[in-house]
Each structure stands twice: as C-alpha cells, then as structure tokens.
Amino acid sequence: MKMNQHQITIELDPEVRGALRQKAAKKGLSPEAYLLGILKQAGPILKESSTGKGEAA
C-alpha cells in the first residue's frame, strides 16, 4: 500500500511549545519526532473514526 506524505503546520502558544520541548527532551527526541510518535499512535484511532467504525479519543 502506497502512503502519501503530507505536511502539517501547527501553531502553538509559547507555553505549550515549552512543555512540548521538555517532554521531547526527556525522551531524547526533537519536538517534531515526539509529535510524530504521538500521531503514529493515534493513526489507528483516527482511521477507525474516518471509516465510521469508531470514535476519535
């Protein structure tokens, strides 16, 4: 199955960005890599929601 790549831009306020940086650093990741991991975990949930077989958390 071929996957299309998409670019997403998210605007966060400075307080949220700081918290994101701290959480990512604790895991030894960049903020971008940390968010990508979260999105990958949510993928199956989002896929179910878009097919009507479940609801997004």
Protein backbone atom coordinates (compact mmCIF):
# COMPACT_ATOMS: atom_id res chain seq x y z
CA MET A 1 0.00 0.00 0.00
CA LYS A 2 1.46 3.35 -1.04
CA MET A 3 1.39 6.08 1.59
CA ASN A 4 1.16 9.75 0.66
CA GLN A 5 3.16 12.19 2.70
CA HIS A 6 1.53 15.35 3.96
CA GLN A 7 2.91 18.37 5.71
CA ILE A 8 1.04 19.73 8.71
CA THR A 9 1.67 23.11 10.31
CA ILE A 10 0.57 23.53 13.90
CA GLU A 11 0.69 26.86 15.70
CA LEU A 12 1.24 26.52 19.44
CA ASP A 13 1.46 29.22 22.04
CA PRO A 14 4.85 29.64 23.70
CA GLU A 15 3.80 27.89 26.93
CA VAL A 16 2.67 24.78 25.05
CA ARG A 17 5.83 24.81 22.90
CA GLY A 18 7.95 24.90 26.06
CA ALA A 19 6.10 21.95 27.56
CA LEU A 20 6.43 20.04 24.27
CA ARG A 21 10.17 20.68 24.16
CA GLN A 22 10.57 19.47 27.75
CA LYS A 23 8.60 16.25 27.18
CA ALA A 24 10.50 15.55 23.97
CA ALA A 25 13.86 16.19 25.63
CA LYS A 26 13.02 13.75 28.44
CA LYS A 27 12.61 11.06 25.78
CA GLY A 28 15.72 12.17 23.89
CA LEU A 29 13.70 13.34 20.89
CA SER A 30 13.22 16.54 18.94
CA PRO A 31 9.79 18.15 19.36
CA GLU A 32 8.96 17.13 15.79
CA ALA A 33 9.90 13.48 16.38
CA TYR A 34 7.92 13.46 19.63
CA LEU A 35 4.78 14.76 17.88
CA LEU A 36 5.24 12.31 15.02
CA GLY A 37 5.27 9.47 17.54
CA ILE A 38 2.01 10.72 19.06
CA LEU A 39 0.41 10.97 15.61
CA LYS A 40 1.55 7.47 14.67
CA GLN A 41 -0.03 6.10 17.86
CA ALA A 42 -3.27 7.94 17.07
CA GLY A 43 -3.30 6.72 13.45
CA PRO A 44 -5.41 3.59 14.02
CA ILE A 45 -7.88 5.57 16.14
CA LEU A 46 -8.19 8.29 13.51
CA LYS A 47 -8.52 5.73 10.73
CA GLU A 48 -11.40 3.99 12.56
CA SER A 49 -13.11 7.34 13.08
CA SER A 50 -12.92 8.27 9.41
CA THR A 51 -14.50 4.95 8.39
CA GLY A 52 -17.31 5.27 10.91
CA LYS A 53 -16.17 2.19 12.84
CA GLY A 54 -15.13 4.08 15.96
CA GLU A 55 -14.69 7.46 17.51
CA ALA A 56 -11.54 9.52 17.95
CA ALA A 57 -10.45 9.90 21.55
